[in-house]
Structure formats: C-alpha cells, structure tokens
Amino acid sequence: MEDASMVGLMGRVTGAVGPGLVGEVIVRVRGGAEHFLAYPADGTARLATGTVVMVVEHLPPRTVYVTAAYDS
C-alpha cells in the first residue's frame, strides 16, 4: 500500500503509544482491519488504549506515526 493512501486514515489504539514505547493501532484498510506498530507523530504524546487516532505518516510495511483525532 502506498504511503499516500494510508495518510489520513483513522484507527484506534490497541496498545499504548508514547515516547519510548512501541504502540499498536488497528486501522481499517484494504477492505478489512489491520494492526500496525505505532509511534506518536510529535514524539512526546502519550495515547491510551481506545484513543481514536489519525495516521500522519506510514513507513512500509507496518509502521505508522499517529496523532489523536479529537481533542480531549
């Protein structure tokens, strides 16, 4: 999958994302849902399990940088 097609997709955190952590998110893509390793886009945010996120960068094959989709 091309980088451009992943950017902007929404997902949900399934394993905490934060500095020093390799988190996990599930994203609906290619007609299903897939898990990706995830890091905070700004390098400092901590995103708890269940947080809705948006993909801002994709490093093939299975790594994404994410940010919270909504302010809390």
C-alpha atoms as a PDB file:
ATOM      1  CA  MET A   1       0.000   0.000   0.000  1.00  0.00           C
ATOM      2  CA  GLU A   2       1.319   3.422  -0.910  1.00  0.00           C
ATOM      3  CA  ASP A   3       2.148   5.930   1.809  1.00  0.00           C
ATOM      4  CA  ALA A   4      -0.352   8.468   0.460  1.00  0.00           C
ATOM      5  CA  SER A   5      -3.262   6.052   0.775  1.00  0.00           C
ATOM      6  CA  MET A   6      -2.574   5.396   4.486  1.00  0.00           C
ATOM      7  CA  VAL A   7      -2.159   9.040   5.489  1.00  0.00           C
ATOM      8  CA  GLY A   8      -5.393  10.440   6.880  1.00  0.00           C
ATOM      9  CA  LEU A   9      -6.940   7.087   7.770  1.00  0.00           C
ATOM     10  CA  MET A  10      -8.496   6.747  11.204  1.00  0.00           C
ATOM     11  CA  GLY A  11      -7.684   3.996  13.668  1.00  0.00           C
ATOM     12  CA  ARG A  12      -7.887   3.032  17.317  1.00  0.00           C
ATOM     13  CA  VAL A  13      -5.034   2.455  19.765  1.00  0.00           C
ATOM     14  CA  THR A  14      -4.846  -1.196  20.878  1.00  0.00           C
ATOM     15  CA  GLY A  15      -1.518  -0.898  22.730  1.00  0.00           C
ATOM     16  CA  ALA A  16      -0.408   2.339  24.421  1.00  0.00           C
ATOM     17  CA  VAL A  17       1.511   4.733  22.145  1.00  0.00           C
ATOM     18  CA  GLY A  18       4.093   7.071  23.634  1.00  0.00           C
ATOM     19  CA  PRO A  19       7.729   8.098  23.975  1.00  0.00           C
ATOM     20  CA  GLY A  20       9.933   5.062  24.499  1.00  0.00           C
ATOM     21  CA  LEU A  21       7.078   2.698  23.650  1.00  0.00           C
ATOM     22  CA  VAL A  22       6.255   0.718  20.548  1.00  0.00           C
ATOM     23  CA  GLY A  23       2.489   1.026  20.481  1.00  0.00           C
ATOM     24  CA  GLU A  24      -0.090  -0.653  18.306  1.00  0.00           C
ATOM     25  CA  VAL A  25      -3.105   0.611  16.384  1.00  0.00           C
ATOM     26  CA  ILE A  26      -5.791  -1.048  14.316  1.00  0.00           C
ATOM     27  CA  VAL A  27      -6.725   0.702  11.069  1.00  0.00           C
ATOM     28  CA  ARG A  28      -9.473  -0.132   8.579  1.00  0.00           C
ATOM     29  CA  VAL A  29      -7.690  -0.576   5.264  1.00  0.00           C
ATOM     30  CA  ARG A  30      -7.955  -2.722   2.126  1.00  0.00           C
ATOM     31  CA  GLY A  31     -11.486  -3.842   2.973  1.00  0.00           C
ATOM     32  CA  GLY A  32     -10.563  -5.086   6.446  1.00  0.00           C
ATOM     33  CA  ALA A  33      -8.810  -4.063   9.629  1.00  0.00           C
ATOM     34  CA  GLU A  34      -5.060  -4.437  10.157  1.00  0.00           C
ATOM     35  CA  HIS A  35      -2.682  -3.871  13.057  1.00  0.00           C
ATOM     36  CA  PHE A  36       0.324  -1.564  12.737  1.00  0.00           C
ATOM     37  CA  LEU A  37       3.209  -0.654  15.031  1.00  0.00           C
ATOM     38  CA  ALA A  38       2.636   2.947  16.096  1.00  0.00           C
ATOM     39  CA  TYR A  39       4.606   5.926  17.351  1.00  0.00           C
ATOM     40  CA  PRO A  40       3.379   9.419  18.331  1.00  0.00           C
ATOM     41  CA  ALA A  41       3.763  11.851  15.428  1.00  0.00           C
ATOM     42  CA  ASP A  42       5.082  14.617  17.682  1.00  0.00           C
ATOM     43  CA  GLY A  43       7.392  12.275  19.596  1.00  0.00           C
ATOM     44  CA  THR A  44       6.021  13.274  23.003  1.00  0.00           C
ATOM     45  CA  ALA A  45       2.283  12.461  23.130  1.00  0.00           C
ATOM     46  CA  ARG A  46       1.006   9.516  25.135  1.00  0.00           C
ATOM     47  CA  LEU A  47      -2.081   7.892  23.629  1.00  0.00           C
ATOM     48  CA  ALA A  48      -4.009   5.437  25.779  1.00  0.00           C
ATOM     49  CA  THR A  49      -5.692   2.264  24.597  1.00  0.00           C
ATOM     50  CA  GLY A  50      -9.006   3.102  22.932  1.00  0.00           C
ATOM     51  CA  THR A  51      -7.957   6.549  21.687  1.00  0.00           C
ATOM     52  CA  VAL A  52      -9.108   7.337  18.151  1.00  0.00           C
ATOM     53  CA  VAL A  53      -6.107   8.380  16.063  1.00  0.00           C
ATOM     54  CA  MET A  54      -5.269   9.590  12.562  1.00  0.00           C
ATOM     55  CA  VAL A  55      -2.304   8.310  10.556  1.00  0.00           C
ATOM     56  CA  VAL A  56       0.046  11.162   9.606  1.00  0.00           C
ATOM     57  CA  GLU A  57       2.920   9.081   8.204  1.00  0.00           C
ATOM     58  CA  HIS A  58       3.340   5.480   7.035  1.00  0.00           C
ATOM     59  CA  LEU A  59       6.649   3.622   6.880  1.00  0.00           C
ATOM     60  CA  PRO A  60       6.065   0.408   4.943  1.00  0.00           C
ATOM     61  CA  PRO A  61       5.362  -2.244   5.626  1.00  0.00           C
ATOM     62  CA  ARG A  62       3.731  -1.976   9.097  1.00  0.00           C
ATOM     63  CA  THR A  63       4.754   1.212  10.932  1.00  0.00           C
ATOM     64  CA  VAL A  64       2.685   4.360  11.338  1.00  0.00           C
ATOM     65  CA  TYR A  65       3.022   7.689  13.101  1.00  0.00           C
ATOM     66  CA  VAL A  66      -0.254   8.862  14.603  1.00  0.00           C
ATOM     67  CA  THR A  67      -1.875  11.769  16.363  1.00  0.00           C
ATOM     68  CA  ALA A  68      -5.079  11.929  18.417  1.00  0.00           C
ATOM     69  CA  ALA A  69      -8.020  12.510  16.093  1.00  0.00           C
ATOM     70  CA  TYR A  70     -10.017  14.535  18.619  1.00  0.00           C
ATOM     71  CA  ASP A  71      -9.064  16.928  21.405  1.00  0.00           C
ATOM     72  CA  SER A  72      -9.888  15.562  24.826  1.00  0.00           C
END
